PDB file of N, CA and C in Angstrom:
ATOM      1  N   UNK A   1    -138.878 -45.561-188.721  1.00  0.00           N
ATOM      2  CA  UNK A   1    -138.023 -46.261-187.779  1.00  0.00           C
ATOM      3  C   UNK A   1    -136.566 -46.114-188.221  1.00  0.00           C
ATOM      4  N   UNK A   2    -135.670 -45.987-187.254  1.00  0.00           N
ATOM      5  CA  UNK A   2    -134.256 -45.901-187.567  1.00  0.00           C
ATOM      6  C   UNK A   2    -133.715 -47.283-187.922  1.00  0.00           C
ATOM      7  N   UNK A   3    -132.526 -47.294-188.475  1.00  0.00           N
ATOM      8  CA  UNK A   3    -131.909 -48.547-188.896  1.00  0.00           C
ATOM      9  C   UNK A   3    -131.660 -49.458-187.693  1.00  0.00           C
ATOM     10  N   UNK A   4    -131.926 -50.738-187.863  1.00  0.00           N
ATOM     11  CA  UNK A   4    -131.714 -51.735-186.820  1.00  0.00           C
ATOM     12  C   UNK A   4    -130.219 -52.015-186.685  1.00  0.00           C
ATOM     13  N   UNK A   5    -129.733 -51.996-185.452  1.00  0.00           N
ATOM     14  CA  UNK A   5    -128.344 -52.356-185.172  1.00  0.00           C
ATOM     15  C   UNK A   5    -128.286 -53.874-185.074  1.00  0.00           C
ATOM     16  N   UNK A   6    -127.418 -54.513-185.869  1.00  0.00           N
ATOM     17  CA  UNK A   6    -127.357 -55.970-185.835  1.00  0.00           C
ATOM     18  C   UNK A   6    -125.907 -56.448-185.842  1.00  0.00           C
ATOM     19  N   UNK A   7    -125.764 -57.711-185.488  1.00  0.00           N
ATOM     20  CA  UNK A   7    -124.480 -58.408-185.537  1.00  0.00           C
ATOM     21  C   UNK A   7    -124.648 -59.494-186.591  1.00  0.00           C
ATOM     22  N   UNK A   8    -123.878 -59.424-187.653  1.00  0.00           N
ATOM     23  CA  UNK A   8    -124.063 -60.353-188.780  1.00  0.00           C
ATOM     24  C   UNK A   8    -123.826 -61.811-188.409  1.00  0.00           C
ATOM     25  N   UNK A   9    -123.170 -62.091-187.286  1.00  0.00           N
ATOM     26  CA  UNK A   9    -122.923 -63.465-186.857  1.00  0.00           C
ATOM     27  C   UNK A   9    -123.935 -63.963-185.833  1.00  0.00           C
ATOM     28  N   UNK A  10    -124.909 -63.148-185.494  1.00  0.00           N
ATOM     29  CA  UNK A  10    -125.862 -63.480-184.436  1.00  0.00           C
ATOM     30  C   UNK A  10    -127.082 -64.225-184.987  1.00  0.00           C
ATOM     31  N   UNK A  11    -127.368 -65.382-184.401  1.00  0.00           N
ATOM     32  CA  UNK A  11    -128.530 -66.181-184.792  1.00  0.00           C
ATOM     33  C   UNK A  11    -129.820 -65.373-184.707  1.00  0.00           C
ATOM     34  N   UNK A  12    -130.029 -64.656-183.589  1.00  0.00           N
ATOM     35  CA  UNK A  12    -131.276 -63.909-183.419  1.00  0.00           C
ATOM     36  C   UNK A  12    -131.368 -62.730-184.380  1.00  0.00           C
ATOM     37  N   UNK A  13    -130.253 -62.086-184.705  1.00  0.00           N
ATOM     38  CA  UNK A  13    -130.273 -61.017-185.707  1.00  0.00           C
ATOM     39  C   UNK A  13    -130.704 -61.577-187.069  1.00  0.00           C
ATOM     40  N   UNK A  14    -130.277 -62.793-187.382  1.00  0.00           N
ATOM     41  CA  UNK A  14    -130.677 -63.439-188.638  1.00  0.00           C
ATOM     42  C   UNK A  14    -132.168 -63.780-188.630  1.00  0.00           C
ATOM     43  N   UNK A  15    -132.687 -64.176-187.476  1.00  0.00           N
ATOM     44  CA  UNK A  15    -134.131 -64.437-187.361  1.00  0.00           C
ATOM     45  C   UNK A  15    -134.897 -63.131-187.530  1.00  0.00           C
ATOM     46  N   UNK A  16    -134.424 -62.052-186.909  1.00  0.00           N
ATOM     47  CA  UNK A  16    -135.078 -60.747-187.018  1.00  0.00           C
ATOM     48  C   UNK A  16    -135.125 -60.287-188.475  1.00  0.00           C
ATOM     49  N   UNK A  17    -134.036 -60.454-189.210  1.00  0.00           N
ATOM     50  CA  UNK A  17    -134.009 -60.006-190.604  1.00  0.00           C
ATOM     51  C   UNK A  17    -134.766 -60.950-191.540  1.00  0.00           C
ATOM     52  N   UNK A  18    -135.150 -62.138-191.044  1.00  0.00           N
ATOM     53  CA  UNK A  18    -135.952 -63.060-191.835  1.00  0.00           C
ATOM     54  C   UNK A  18    -135.167 -64.092-192.609  1.00  0.00           C
ATOM     55  N   UNK A  19    -133.839 -64.122-192.463  1.00  0.00           N
ATOM     56  CA  UNK A  19    -133.059 -65.118-193.208  1.00  0.00           C
ATOM     57  C   UNK A  19    -133.124 -66.502-192.570  1.00  0.00           C
ATOM     58  N   UNK A  20    -133.562 -66.567-191.316  1.00  0.00           N
ATOM     59  CA  UNK A  20    -133.841 -67.844-190.653  1.00  0.00           C
ATOM     60  C   UNK A  20    -135.303 -67.787-190.216  1.00  0.00           C
ATOM     61  N   UNK A  21    -136.112 -68.772-190.608  1.00  0.00           N
ATOM     62  CA  UNK A  21    -137.539 -68.722-190.270  1.00  0.00           C
ATOM     63  C   UNK A  21    -137.803 -68.937-188.785  1.00  0.00           C
ATOM     64  N   UNK A  22    -138.918 -68.374-188.324  1.00  0.00           N
ATOM     65  CA  UNK A  22    -139.370 -68.572-186.946  1.00  0.00           C
ATOM     66  C   UNK A  22    -140.893 -68.539-186.945  1.00  0.00           C
ATOM     67  N   UNK A  23    -141.472 -69.030-185.864  1.00  0.00           N
ATOM     68  CA  UNK A  23    -142.919 -68.966-185.695  1.00  0.00           C
ATOM     69  C   UNK A  23    -143.227 -67.756-184.832  1.00  0.00           C
ATOM     70  N   UNK A  24    -143.465 -66.633-185.491  1.00  0.00           N
ATOM     71  CA  UNK A  24    -143.693 -65.366-184.806  1.00  0.00           C
ATOM     72  C   UNK A  24    -145.033 -65.355-184.100  1.00  0.00           C
ATOM     73  N   UNK A  25    -145.044 -64.800-182.897  1.00  0.00           N
ATOM     74  CA  UNK A  25    -146.303 -64.562-182.194  1.00  0.00           C
ATOM     75  C   UNK A  25    -146.562 -63.072-182.023  1.00  0.00           C
ATOM     76  N   UNK A  26    -145.504 -62.258-182.189  1.00  0.00           N
ATOM     77  CA  UNK A  26    -145.656 -60.804-182.079  1.00  0.00           C
ATOM     78  C   UNK A  26    -144.440 -60.138-182.721  1.00  0.00           C
ATOM     79  N   UNK A  27    -144.694 -59.003-183.380  1.00  0.00           N
ATOM     80  CA  UNK A  27    -143.608 -58.208-183.933  1.00  0.00           C
ATOM     81  C   UNK A  27    -144.053 -56.764-184.050  1.00  0.00           C
ATOM     82  N   UNK A  28    -143.149 -55.852-183.712  1.00  0.00           N
ATOM     83  CA  UNK A  28    -143.345 -54.432-183.963  1.00  0.00           C
ATOM     84  C   UNK A  28    -141.989 -53.833-184.321  1.00  0.00           C
ATOM     85  N   UNK A  29    -141.881 -52.514-184.361  1.00  0.00           N
ATOM     86  CA  UNK A  29    -140.629 -51.865-184.751  1.00  0.00           C
ATOM     87  C   UNK A  29    -139.501 -52.100-183.754  1.00  0.00           C
ATOM     88  N   UNK A  30    -139.834 -52.444-182.508  1.00  0.00           N
ATOM     89  CA  UNK A  30    -138.862 -52.533-181.427  1.00  0.00           C
ATOM     90  C   UNK A  30    -138.439 -53.949-181.093  1.00  0.00           C
ATOM     91  N   UNK A  31    -139.368 -54.899-181.215  1.00  0.00           N
ATOM     92  CA  UNK A  31    -139.113 -56.252-180.716  1.00  0.00           C
ATOM     93  C   UNK A  31    -139.742 -57.321-181.595  1.00  0.00           C
ATOM     94  N   UNK A  32    -139.300 -58.538-181.343  1.00  0.00           N
ATOM     95  CA  UNK A  32    -139.850 -59.721-181.992  1.00  0.00           C
ATOM     96  C   UNK A  32    -140.077 -60.772-180.921  1.00  0.00           C
ATOM     97  N   UNK A  33    -141.169 -61.498-181.019  1.00  0.00           N
ATOM     98  CA  UNK A  33    -141.444 -62.630-180.130  1.00  0.00           C
ATOM     99  C   UNK A  33    -141.806 -63.826-181.004  1.00  0.00           C
ATOM    100  N   UNK A  34    -141.177 -64.963-180.696  1.00  0.00           N
ATOM    101  CA  UNK A  34    -141.428 -66.168-181.487  1.00  0.00           C
ATOM    102  C   UNK A  34    -141.319 -67.400-180.598  1.00  0.00           C
ATOM    103  N   UNK A  35    -141.862 -68.499-181.069  1.00  0.00           N
ATOM    104  CA  UNK A  35    -141.865 -69.748-180.309  1.00  0.00           C
ATOM    105  C   UNK A  35    -140.458 -70.355-180.260  1.00  0.00           C
ATOM    106  N   UNK A  36    -140.065 -70.795-179.068  1.00  0.00           N
ATOM    107  CA  UNK A  36    -138.772 -71.457-178.887  1.00  0.00           C
ATOM    108  C   UNK A  36    -138.819 -72.812-179.589  1.00  0.00           C
ATOM    109  N   UNK A  37    -137.731 -73.178-180.280  1.00  0.00           N
ATOM    110  CA  UNK A  37    -137.719 -74.465-180.989  1.00  0.00           C
ATOM    111  C   UNK A  37    -137.468 -75.639-180.047  1.00  0.00           C
ATOM    112  N   UNK A  38    -137.057 -75.362-178.810  1.00  0.00           N
ATOM    113  CA  UNK A  38    -136.866 -76.398-177.795  1.00  0.00           C
ATOM    114  C   UNK A  38    -137.649 -76.013-176.533  1.00  0.00           C
ATOM    115  N   UNK A  39    -138.980 -76.052-176.605  1.00  0.00           N
ATOM    116  CA  UNK A  39    -139.784 -75.557-175.480  1.00  0.00           C
ATOM    117  C   UNK A  39    -139.651 -76.411-174.223  1.00  0.00           C
ATOM    118  N   UNK A  40    -139.666 -75.736-173.071  1.00  0.00           N
ATOM    119  CA  UNK A  40    -139.643 -76.426-171.779  1.00  0.00           C
ATOM    120  C   UNK A  40    -141.032 -76.485-171.149  1.00  0.00           C
ATOM    121  N   UNK A  41    -142.013 -75.893-171.833  1.00  0.00           N
ATOM    122  CA  UNK A  41    -143.396 -75.865-171.359  1.00  0.00           C
ATOM    123  C   UNK A  41    -144.293 -75.726-172.591  1.00  0.00           C
ATOM    124  N   UNK A  42    -145.601 -75.949-172.410  1.00  0.00           N
ATOM    125  CA  UNK A  42    -146.507 -75.813-173.561  1.00  0.00           C
ATOM    126  C   UNK A  42    -146.416 -74.453-174.251  1.00  0.00           C
ATOM    127  N   UNK A  43    -146.191 -73.397-173.467  1.00  0.00           N
ATOM    128  CA  UNK A  43    -145.952 -72.070-174.031  1.00  0.00           C
ATOM    129  C   UNK A  43    -144.521 -71.682-173.686  1.00  0.00           C
ATOM    130  N   UNK A  44    -143.709 -71.449-174.697  1.00  0.00           N
ATOM    131  CA  UNK A  44    -142.323 -71.012-174.496  1.00  0.00           C
ATOM    132  C   UNK A  44    -141.987 -70.069-175.639  1.00  0.00           C
ATOM    133  N   UNK A  45    -142.022 -68.788-175.331  1.00  0.00           N
ATOM    134  CA  UNK A  45    -141.823 -67.731-176.315  1.00  0.00           C
ATOM    135  C   UNK A  45    -140.519 -67.006-176.013  1.00  0.00           C
ATOM    136  N   UNK A  46    -139.746 -66.697-177.038  1.00  0.00           N
ATOM    137  CA  UNK A  46    -138.564 -65.857-176.893  1.00  0.00           C
ATOM    138  C   UNK A  46    -138.937 -64.445-177.316  1.00  0.00           C
ATOM    139  N   UNK A  47    -138.598 -63.481-176.466  1.00  0.00           N
ATOM    140  CA  UNK A  47    -138.898 -62.076-176.737  1.00  0.00           C
ATOM    141  C   UNK A  47    -137.574 -61.325-176.756  1.00  0.00           C
ATOM    142  N   UNK A  48    -137.304 -60.589-177.838  1.00  0.00           N
ATOM    143  CA  UNK A  48    -136.019 -59.931-177.950  1.00  0.00           C
ATOM    144  C   UNK A  48    -136.123 -58.594-178.651  1.00  0.00           C
ATOM    145  N   UNK A  49    -135.211 -57.687-178.296  1.00  0.00           N
ATOM    146  CA  UNK A  49    -135.172 -56.414-179.012  1.00  0.00           C
ATOM    147  C   UNK A  49    -134.638 -56.625-180.420  1.00  0.00           C
ATOM    148  N   UNK A  50    -135.101 -55.826-181.352  1.00  0.00           N
ATOM    149  CA  UNK A  50    -134.582 -55.937-182.712  1.00  0.00           C
ATOM    150  C   UNK A  50    -133.163 -55.406-182.800  1.00  0.00           C
ATOM    151  N   UNK A  51    -132.833 -54.405-182.008  1.00  0.00           N
ATOM    152  CA  UNK A  51    -131.449 -53.934-181.968  1.00  0.00           C
ATOM    153  C   UNK A  51    -130.611 -54.934-181.199  1.00  0.00           C
ATOM    154  N   UNK A  52    -129.440 -55.213-181.706  1.00  0.00           N
ATOM    155  CA  UNK A  52    -128.553 -56.175-181.051  1.00  0.00           C
ATOM    156  C   UNK A  52    -128.011 -55.585-179.756  1.00  0.00           C
ATOM    157  N   UNK A  53    -128.398 -56.193-178.662  1.00  0.00           N
ATOM    158  CA  UNK A  53    -127.842 -55.920-177.336  1.00  0.00           C
ATOM    159  C   UNK A  53    -127.355 -57.283-176.873  1.00  0.00           C
ATOM    160  N   UNK A  54    -126.080 -57.411-176.563  1.00  0.00           N
ATOM    161  CA  UNK A  54    -125.501 -58.734-176.307  1.00  0.00           C
ATOM    162  C   UNK A  54    -126.088 -59.421-175.082  1.00  0.00           C
ATOM    163  N   UNK A  55    -126.268 -58.709-173.980  1.00  0.00           N
ATOM    164  CA  UNK A  55    -126.781 -59.342-172.761  1.00  0.00           C
ATOM    165  C   UNK A  55    -127.347 -58.275-171.831  1.00  0.00           C
ATOM    166  N   UNK A  56    -127.885 -58.713-170.708  1.00  0.00           N
ATOM    167  CA  UNK A  56    -128.398 -57.775-169.706  1.00  0.00           C
ATOM    168  C   UNK A  56    -127.298 -56.845-169.207  1.00  0.00           C
ATOM    169  N   UNK A  57    -126.054 -57.282-169.276  1.00  0.00           N
ATOM    170  CA  UNK A  57    -124.928 -56.427-168.881  1.00  0.00           C
ATOM    171  C   UNK A  57    -124.772 -55.216-169.792  1.00  0.00           C
ATOM    172  N   UNK A  58    -125.391 -55.254-170.956  1.00  0.00           N
ATOM    173  CA  UNK A  58    -125.254 -54.185-171.933  1.00  0.00           C
ATOM    174  C   UNK A  58    -126.468 -53.261-171.999  1.00  0.00           C
ATOM    175  N   UNK A  59    -127.370 -53.376-171.030  1.00  0.00           N
ATOM    176  CA  UNK A  59    -128.502 -52.452-170.954  1.00  0.00           C
ATOM    177  C   UNK A  59    -127.983 -51.129-170.396  1.00  0.00           C
ATOM    178  N   UNK A  60    -128.334 -50.046-171.079  1.00  0.00           N
ATOM    179  CA  UNK A  60    -127.882 -48.709-170.693  1.00  0.00           C
ATOM    180  C   UNK A  60    -129.082 -47.783-170.539  1.00  0.00           C
ATOM    181  N   UNK A  61    -128.821 -46.593-170.051  1.00  0.00           N
ATOM    182  CA  UNK A  61    -129.886 -45.588-169.991  1.00  0.00           C
ATOM    183  C   UNK A  61    -130.448 -45.323-171.383  1.00  0.00           C
ATOM    184  N   UNK A  62    -129.601 -45.365-172.390  1.00  0.00           N
ATOM    185  CA  UNK A  62    -130.021 -45.059-173.760  1.00  0.00           C
ATOM    186  C   UNK A  62    -130.896 -46.156-174.383  1.00  0.00           C
ATOM    187  N   UNK A  63    -130.678 -47.429-174.031  1.00  0.00           N
ATOM    188  CA  UNK A  63    -131.452 -48.509-174.669  1.00  0.00           C
ATOM    189  C   UNK A  63    -132.454 -49.186-173.726  1.00  0.00           C
ATOM    190  N   UNK A  64    -132.576 -48.717-172.504  1.00  0.00           N
ATOM    191  CA  UNK A  64    -133.412 -49.401-171.508  1.00  0.00           C
ATOM    192  C   UNK A  64    -134.914 -49.334-171.785  1.00  0.00           C
ATOM    193  N   UNK A  65    -135.355 -48.385-172.576  1.00  0.00           N
ATOM    194  CA  UNK A  65    -136.800 -48.298-172.848  1.00  0.00           C
ATOM    195  C   UNK A  65    -137.319 -49.540-173.566  1.00  0.00           C
ATOM    196  N   UNK A  66    -136.459 -50.217-174.319  1.00  0.00           N
ATOM    197  CA  UNK A  66    -136.886 -51.436-175.006  1.00  0.00           C
ATOM    198  C   UNK A  66    -137.255 -52.532-173.996  1.00  0.00           C
ATOM    199  N   UNK A  67    -136.604 -52.536-172.833  1.00  0.00           N
ATOM    200  CA  UNK A  67    -136.890 -53.565-171.821  1.00  0.00           C
ATOM    201  C   UNK A  67    -138.292 -53.371-171.269  1.00  0.00           C
ATOM    202  N   UNK A  68    -138.650 -52.145-170.938  1.00  0.00           N
ATOM    203  CA  UNK A  68    -140.010 -51.911-170.438  1.00  0.00           C
ATOM    204  C   UNK A  68    -141.032 -52.242-171.514  1.00  0.00           C
ATOM    205  N   UNK A  69    -140.717 -51.942-172.761  1.00  0.00           N
ATOM    206  CA  UNK A  69    -141.638 -52.275-173.852  1.00  0.00           C
ATOM    207  C   UNK A  69    -141.835 -53.793-173.956  1.00  0.00           C
ATOM    208  N   UNK A  70    -140.750 -54.541-173.827  1.00  0.00           N
ATOM    209  CA  UNK A  70    -140.846 -56.004-173.891  1.00  0.00           C
ATOM    210  C   UNK A  70    -141.730 -56.519-172.760  1.00  0.00           C
ATOM    211  N   UNK A  71    -141.570 -55.987-171.546  1.00  0.00           N
ATOM    212  CA  UNK A  71    -142.374 -56.467-170.414  1.00  0.00           C
ATOM    213  C   UNK A  71    -143.837 -56.075-170.545  1.00  0.00           C
ATOM    214  N   UNK A  72    -144.127 -54.882-171.042  1.00  0.00           N
ATOM    215  CA  UNK A  72    -145.522 -54.495-171.282  1.00  0.00           C
ATOM    216  C   UNK A  72    -146.140 -55.426-172.323  1.00  0.00           C
ATOM    217  N   UNK A  73    -145.382 -55.715-173.359  1.00  0.00           N
ATOM    218  CA  UNK A  73    -145.870 -56.590-174.425  1.00  0.00           C
ATOM    219  C   UNK A  73    -145.996 -58.034-173.949  1.00  0.00           C
ATOM    220  N   UNK A  74    -145.135 -58.464-173.043  1.00  0.00           N
ATOM    221  CA  UNK A  74    -145.197 -59.840-172.520  1.00  0.00           C
ATOM    222  C   UNK A  74    -146.553 -60.138-171.916  1.00  0.00           C
ATOM    223  N   UNK A  75    -147.101 -59.202-171.167  1.00  0.00           N
ATOM    224  CA  UNK A  75    -148.419 -59.451-170.558  1.00  0.00           C
ATOM    225  C   UNK A  75    -149.502 -59.565-171.624  1.00  0.00           C
ATOM    226  N   UNK A  76    -149.364 -58.816-172.703  1.00  0.00           N
ATOM    227  CA  UNK A  76    -150.332 -58.913-173.807  1.00  0.00           C
ATOM    228  C   UNK A  76    -150.205 -60.260-174.515  1.00  0.00           C
ATOM    229  N   UNK A  77    -148.970 -60.714-174.719  1.00  0.00           N
ATOM    230  CA  UNK A  77    -148.745 -62.022-175.343  1.00  0.00           C
ATOM    231  C   UNK A  77    -149.298 -63.127-174.454  1.00  0.00           C
ATOM    232  N   UNK A  78    -149.036 -63.038-173.139  1.00  0.00           N
ATOM    233  CA  UNK A  78    -149.545 -64.052-172.204  1.00  0.00           C
ATOM    234  C   UNK A  78    -151.072 -64.111-172.245  1.00  0.00           C
ATOM    235  N   UNK A  79    -151.703 -62.967-172.315  1.00  0.00           N
ATOM    236  CA  UNK A  79    -153.175 -62.925-172.394  1.00  0.00           C
ATOM    237  C   UNK A  79    -153.640 -63.561-173.703  1.00  0.00           C
ATOM    238  N   UNK A  80    -153.002 -63.188-174.805  1.00  0.00           N
ATOM    239  CA  UNK A  80    -153.358 -63.732-176.122  1.00  0.00           C
ATOM    240  C   UNK A  80    -153.213 -65.254-176.165  1.00  0.00           C
ATOM    241  N   UNK A  81    -152.190 -65.792-175.470  1.00  0.00           N
ATOM    242  CA  UNK A  81    -151.938 -67.233-175.490  1.00  0.00           C
ATOM    243  C   UNK A  81    -152.655 -67.986-174.372  1.00  0.00           C
ATOM    244  N   UNK A  82    -153.459 -67.274-173.576  1.00  0.00           N
ATOM    245  CA  UNK A  82    -154.297 -67.917-172.575  1.00  0.00           C
ATOM    246  C   UNK A  82    -153.589 -68.354-171.307  1.00  0.00           C
ATOM    247  N   UNK A  83    -152.455 -67.729-170.974  1.00  0.00           N
ATOM    248  CA  UNK A  83    -151.738 -68.134-169.759  1.00  0.00           C
ATOM    249  C   UNK A  83    -151.685 -67.037-168.695  1.00  0.00           C
ATOM    250  N   UNK A  84    -152.292 -65.896-168.969  1.00  0.00           N
ATOM    251  CA  UNK A  84    -152.173 -64.776-168.033  1.00  0.00           C
ATOM    252  C   UNK A  84    -152.896 -65.032-166.712  1.00  0.00           C
ATOM    253  N   UNK A  85    -153.979 -65.729-166.734  1.00  0.00           N
ATOM    254  CA  UNK A  85    -154.753 -65.968-165.503  1.00  0.00           C
ATOM    255  C   UNK A  85    -154.063 -66.967-164.574  1.00  0.00           C
ATOM    256  N   UNK A  86    -153.547 -68.059-165.126  1.00  0.00           N
ATOM    257  CA  UNK A  86    -152.917 -69.095-164.301  1.00  0.00           C
ATOM    258  C   UNK A  86    -151.475 -68.770-163.935  1.00  0.00           C
ATOM    259  N   UNK A  87    -150.845 -67.913-164.710  1.00  0.00           N
ATOM    260  CA  UNK A  87    -149.488 -67.482-164.406  1.00  0.00           C
ATOM    261  C   UNK A  87    -148.451 -67.984-165.387  1.00  0.00           C
ATOM    262  N   UNK A  88    -147.339 -67.299-165.360  1.00  0.00           N
ATOM    263  CA  UNK A  88    -146.243 -67.601-166.270  1.00  0.00           C
ATOM    264  C   UNK A  88    -144.956 -67.056-165.666  1.00  0.00           C
ATOM    265  N   UNK A  89    -143.849 -67.358-166.304  1.00  0.00           N
ATOM    266  CA  UNK A  89    -142.541 -66.918-165.841  1.00  0.00           C
ATOM    267  C   UNK A  89    -141.841 -66.184-166.985  1.00  0.00           C
ATOM    268  N   UNK A  90    -141.117 -65.127-166.627  1.00  0.00           N
ATOM    269  CA  UNK A  90    -140.243 -64.442-167.577  1.00  0.00           C
ATOM    270  C   UNK A  90    -138.821 -64.600-167.059  1.00  0.00           C
ATOM    271  N   UNK A  91    -137.944 -65.133-167.915  1.00  0.00           N
ATOM    272  CA  UNK A  91    -136.572 -65.453-167.508  1.00  0.00           C
ATOM    273  C   UNK A  91    -135.584 -64.795-168.468  1.00  0.00           C
ATOM    274  N   UNK A  92    -134.489 -64.296-167.910  1.00  0.00           N
ATOM    275  CA  UNK A  92    -133.362 -63.823-168.707  1.00  0.00           C
ATOM    276  C   UNK A  92    -132.115 -64.526-168.212  1.00  0.00           C
ATOM    277  N   UNK A  93    -131.374 -65.129-169.121  1.00  0.00           N
ATOM    278  CA  UNK A  93    -130.090 -65.745-168.803  1.00  0.00           C
ATOM    279  C   UNK A  93    -129.001 -64.781-169.238  1.00  0.00           C
ATOM    280  N   UNK A  94    -128.070 -64.494-168.335  1.00  0.00           N
ATOM    281  CA  UNK A  94    -127.011 -63.522-168.630  1.00  0.00           C
ATOM    282  C   UNK A  94    -125.640 -64.172-168.445  1.00  0.00           C
ATOM    283  N   UNK A  95    -124.895 -64.263-169.526  1.00  0.00           N
ATOM    284  CA  UNK A  95    -123.548 -64.810-169.478  1.00  0.00           C
ATOM    285  C   UNK A  95    -123.521 -66.332-169.436  1.00  0.00           C
ATOM    286  N   UNK A  96    -122.339 -66.869-169.595  1.00  0.00           N
ATOM    287  CA  UNK A  96    -122.160 -68.324-169.672  1.00  0.00           C
ATOM    288  C   UNK A  96    -122.670 -69.040-168.425  1.00  0.00           C
ATOM    289  N   UNK A  97    -122.284 -68.590-167.242  1.00  0.00           N
ATOM    290  CA  UNK A  97    -122.732 -69.254-166.015  1.00  0.00           C
ATOM    291  C   UNK A  97    -124.226 -69.058-165.757  1.00  0.00           C
ATOM    292  N   UNK A  98    -124.797 -68.035-166.358  1.00  0.00           N
ATOM    293  CA  UNK A  98    -126.239 -67.804-166.243  1.00  0.00           C
ATOM    294  C   UNK A  98    -127.044 -68.591-167.255  1.00  0.00           C
ATOM    295  N   UNK A  99    -126.372 -69.318-168.137  1.00  0.00           N
ATOM    296  CA  UNK A  99    -127.066 -70.157-169.106  1.00  0.00           C
ATOM    297  C   UNK A  99    -127.377 -69.479-170.430  1.00  0.00           C
ATOM    298  N   UNK A 100    -126.799 -68.313-170.700  1.00  0.00           N
ATOM    299  CA  UNK A 100    -127.054 -67.631-171.963  1.00  0.00           C
ATOM    300  C   UNK A 100    -126.304 -68.334-173.085  1.00  0.00           C
ATOM    301  N   UNK A 101    -127.038 -68.838-174.077  1.00  0.00           N
ATOM    302  CA  UNK A 101    -126.413 -69.561-175.187  1.00  0.00           C
ATOM    303  C   UNK A 101    -126.365 -68.741-176.473  1.00  0.00           C
ATOM    304  N   UNK A 102    -127.239 -67.746-176.602  1.00  0.00           N
ATOM    305  CA  UNK A 102    -127.204 -66.841-177.751  1.00  0.00           C
ATOM    306  C   UNK A 102    -126.895 -65.459-177.205  1.00  0.00           C
ATOM    307  N   UNK A 103    -125.840 -64.849-177.716  1.00  0.00           N
ATOM    308  CA  UNK A 103    -125.379 -63.556-177.202  1.00  0.00           C
ATOM    309  C   UNK A 103    -126.175 -62.402-177.813  1.00  0.00           C
ATOM    310  N   UNK A 104    -127.491 -62.461-177.606  1.00  0.00           N
ATOM    311  CA  UNK A 104    -128.422 -61.392-177.990  1.00  0.00           C
ATOM    312  C   UNK A 104    -129.454 -61.372-176.870  1.00  0.00           C
ATOM    313  N   UNK A 105    -129.573 -60.254-176.188  1.00  0.00           N
ATOM    314  CA  UNK A 105    -130.495 -60.139-175.066  1.00  0.00           C
ATOM    315  C   UNK A 105    -131.867 -60.695-175.444  1.00  0.00           C
ATOM    316  N   UNK A 106    -132.392 -61.584-174.614  1.00  0.00           N
ATOM    317  CA  UNK A 106    -133.720 -62.133-174.860  1.00  0.00           C
ATOM    318  C   UNK A 106    -134.327 -62.597-173.543  1.00  0.00           C
ATOM    319  N   UNK A 107    -135.636 -62.683-173.558  1.00  0.00           N
ATOM    320  CA  UNK A 107    -136.394 -63.117-172.400  1.00  0.00           C
ATOM    321  C   UNK A 107    -137.261 -64.297-172.809  1.00  0.00           C
ATOM    322  N   UNK A 108    -137.343 -65.291-171.929  1.00  0.00           N
ATOM    323  CA  UNK A 108    -138.192 -66.459-172.143  1.00  0.00           C
ATOM    324  C   UNK A 108    -139.510 -66.217-171.418  1.00  0.00           C
ATOM    325  N   UNK A 109    -140.623 -66.315-172.133  1.00  0.00           N
ATOM    326  CA  UNK A 109    -141.966 -66.273-171.555  1.00  0.00           C
ATOM    327  C   UNK A 109    -142.440 -67.717-171.522  1.00  0.00           C
ATOM    328  N   UNK A 110    -142.578 -68.269-170.309  1.00  0.00           N
ATOM    329  CA  UNK A 110    -142.824 -69.708-170.145  1.00  0.00           C
ATOM    330  C   UNK A 110    -144.095 -69.911-169.333  1.00  0.00           C
ATOM    331  N   UNK A 111    -144.968 -70.784-169.804  1.00  0.00           N
ATOM    332  CA  UNK A 111    -146.200 -71.073-169.068  1.00  0.00           C
ATOM    333  C   UNK A 111    -146.989 -72.192-169.709  1.00  0.00           C
ATOM    334  N   UNK A 112    -148.221 -72.304-169.274  1.00  0.00           N
ATOM    335  CA  UNK A 112    -149.100 -73.344-169.798  1.00  0.00           C
ATOM    336  C   UNK A 112    -149.091 -74.613-168.974  1.00  0.00           C
ATOM    337  N   UNK A 113    -148.335 -74.602-167.859  1.00  0.00           N
ATOM    338  CA  UNK A 113    -148.314 -75.719-166.919  1.00  0.00           C
ATOM    339  C   UNK A 113    -147.808 -75.181-165.582  1.00  0.00           C
ATOM    340  N   UNK A 114    -147.956 -75.965-164.542  1.00  0.00           N
ATOM    341  CA  UNK A 114    -147.414 -75.605-163.219  1.00  0.00           C
ATOM    342  C   UNK A 114    -145.892 -75.717-163.306  1.00  0.00           C
ATOM    343  N   UNK A 115    -145.213 -74.610-163.050  1.00  0.00           N
ATOM    344  CA  UNK A 115    -143.758 -74.573-163.142  1.00  0.00           C
ATOM    345  C   UNK A 115    -143.129 -74.861-161.792  1.00  0.00           C
ATOM    346  N   UNK A 116    -141.991 -75.516-161.808  1.00  0.00           N
ATOM    347  CA  UNK A 116    -141.239 -75.802-160.603  1.00  0.00           C
ATOM    348  C   UNK A 116    -140.722 -74.498-160.001  1.00  0.00           C
ATOM    349  N   UNK A 117    -140.600 -74.450-158.681  1.00  0.00           N
ATOM    350  CA  UNK A 117    -140.043 -73.252-158.049  1.00  0.00           C
ATOM    351  C   UNK A 117    -138.523 -73.306-158.022  1.00  0.00           C
ATOM    352  N   UNK A 118    -137.944 -74.433-158.425  1.00  0.00           N
ATOM    353  CA  UNK A 118    -136.485 -74.577-158.464  1.00  0.00           C
ATOM    354  C   UNK A 118    -135.933 -73.758-159.625  1.00  0.00           C
ATOM    355  N   UNK A 119    -135.150 -72.752-159.307  1.00  0.00           N
ATOM    356  CA  UNK A 119    -134.594 -71.887-160.352  1.00  0.00           C
ATOM    357  C   UNK A 119    -133.123 -72.188-160.614  1.00  0.00           C
ATOM    358  N   UNK A 120    -132.499 -73.100-159.886  1.00  0.00           N
ATOM    359  CA  UNK A 120    -131.082 -73.328-160.060  1.00  0.00           C
ATOM    360  C   UNK A 120    -130.783 -74.653-160.637  1.00  0.00           C
TER     361      UNK A 120
END
């Protein structure tokens, strides 16, 4: 594997390198998935690329394959956690008005209960 691109001031980069602990549910050379410390549902997993990509605005032709990998893996994680049959939501917050609080591209895998259809 090539060297991971990171931002030394990024919370998620520190979690990826292991200097901040997390409850991992999945990890490979490309991505990490771990339990959110402030869950909004019984299952709330954060899925992120190991390479630092600040937001969805920074997805390019060169780094876009990681996004498809995350989505393929999301369905496997949902199955492993027992929420694939009843359904789940995958959310990305982009920018301040979109609710992004950590400037490292990540997706929320949320399920384990009936979710509201209100997205705003």
